[in-house]
Amino acid sequence: MSRLSEAKSYIANCLERMESQPEPEGQKFPRGTRVRIADDLGETMSHFPSGLNATVKYTSAHAFGSKHIDSYCLDIDDYGEVSWYYEHQLTEITDGE
């Protein structure tokens, strides 16, 4: 099996497992929560999209079993999926915002 095939299989298995597992205790934003990404993400993440609205897809802890309940994968409006944003960089919004 090629490394790419192996990686794709691993990710697919993790995402499938996530569907049957509850979200980790202490996770601030549940899947599907609408959030606003901070305008200033700091120097180390200045290359990430910022100041946009997004939907929470999952945390690293939920999908991959890590201890990072504060690291989020987002589906950014009109942009696509991006990982990993930190909880303190996100603010929950309502659909009208």
Protein backbone atom coordinates (compact mmCIF):
# COMPACT_ATOMS: atom_id res chain seq x y z
CA MET A 1 0.00 0.00 0.00
CA SER A 2 1.37 3.42 -0.91
CA ARG A 3 1.91 6.05 1.80
CA LEU A 4 -0.84 8.20 0.27
CA SER A 5 -3.32 5.31 0.26
CA GLU A 6 -2.38 4.46 3.82
CA ALA A 7 -2.94 8.07 4.95
CA LYS A 8 -6.30 8.31 3.16
CA SER A 9 -7.43 5.05 4.75
CA TYR A 10 -6.36 6.22 8.22
CA ILE A 11 -8.26 9.51 7.88
CA ALA A 12 -11.36 7.77 6.53
CA ASN A 13 -11.34 5.32 9.46
CA CYS A 14 -10.93 8.15 11.99
CA LEU A 15 -13.77 10.17 10.49
CA GLU A 16 -16.00 7.10 10.36
CA ARG A 17 -15.21 6.26 14.00
CA MET A 18 -16.01 9.86 14.96
CA GLU A 19 -19.58 9.42 13.70
CA SER A 20 -20.22 6.75 16.36
CA GLN A 21 -18.33 8.39 19.24
CA PRO A 22 -19.55 11.24 21.44
CA GLU A 23 -17.66 14.51 21.32
CA PRO A 24 -14.95 14.77 23.96
CA GLU A 25 -15.92 16.18 27.33
CA GLY A 26 -14.89 19.82 27.58
CA GLN A 27 -15.11 20.55 23.86
CA LYS A 28 -16.38 24.14 23.66
CA PHE A 29 -17.86 24.16 20.14
CA PRO A 30 -19.88 21.09 19.07
CA ARG A 31 -19.85 19.92 15.47
CA GLY A 32 -21.98 22.17 13.29
CA THR A 33 -21.48 25.28 15.44
CA ARG A 34 -21.16 28.48 13.43
CA VAL A 35 -18.09 30.47 14.42
CA ARG A 36 -16.24 33.63 13.43
CA ILE A 37 -12.47 33.33 13.05
CA ALA A 38 -10.51 36.13 14.71
CA ASP A 39 -9.05 38.83 12.47
CA ASP A 40 -5.61 38.47 14.07
CA LEU A 41 -4.43 34.87 14.47
CA GLY A 42 -0.94 35.80 15.55
CA GLU A 43 2.33 35.68 13.70
CA THR A 44 2.64 31.90 13.53
CA MET A 45 -0.76 31.53 11.86
CA SER A 46 -0.77 34.68 9.74
CA HIS A 47 -0.95 32.51 6.60
CA PHE A 48 -4.32 31.01 7.71
CA PRO A 49 -7.62 32.52 6.53
CA SER A 50 -8.90 34.95 9.18
CA GLY A 51 -11.87 37.21 9.81
CA LEU A 52 -14.28 34.77 8.15
CA ASN A 53 -17.30 32.73 9.21
CA ALA A 54 -17.08 28.96 9.36
CA THR A 55 -18.73 25.78 10.58
CA VAL A 56 -17.03 23.45 13.06
CA LYS A 57 -16.34 20.04 11.51
CA TYR A 58 -14.50 18.33 14.41
CA THR A 59 -11.68 18.60 16.90
CA SER A 60 -8.41 16.75 16.71
CA ALA A 61 -9.43 14.89 19.87
CA HIS A 62 -12.75 13.74 18.41
CA ALA A 63 -11.47 12.58 15.05
CA PHE A 64 -8.01 11.30 15.88
CA GLY A 65 -8.08 10.55 19.60
CA SER A 66 -5.54 13.22 20.49
CA LYS A 67 -5.72 15.27 23.68
CA HIS A 68 -6.30 18.50 21.73
CA ILE A 69 -9.97 19.31 22.41
CA ASP A 70 -9.15 22.94 21.60
CA SER A 71 -7.87 22.33 18.02
CA TYR A 72 -10.64 22.62 15.43
CA CYS A 73 -11.09 21.68 11.81
CA LEU A 74 -13.39 24.23 10.16
CA ASP A 75 -15.35 24.43 6.95
CA ILE A 76 -14.78 28.09 6.08
CA ASP A 77 -17.52 29.82 4.08
CA ASP A 78 -16.58 30.16 0.39
CA TYR A 79 -13.11 28.73 1.11
CA GLY A 80 -13.19 25.12 2.26
CA GLU A 81 -11.83 22.90 5.02
CA VAL A 82 -8.88 24.11 7.09
CA SER A 83 -7.23 22.66 10.22
CA TRP A 84 -6.21 23.47 13.00
CA TYR A 85 -7.64 26.59 14.60
CA TYR A 86 -7.40 27.10 18.35
CA GLU A 87 -10.50 27.58 20.47
CA HIS A 88 -9.44 31.06 21.60
CA GLN A 89 -9.39 32.19 17.95
CA LEU A 90 -13.08 31.37 17.48
CA THR A 91 -16.29 33.06 18.58
CA GLU A 92 -19.71 31.44 18.28
CA ILE A 93 -22.10 33.32 16.02
CA THR A 94 -25.74 33.08 15.01
CA ASP A 95 -26.86 32.64 11.42
CA GLY A 96 -27.68 36.36 11.15
CA GLU A 97 -24.12 37.46 11.89
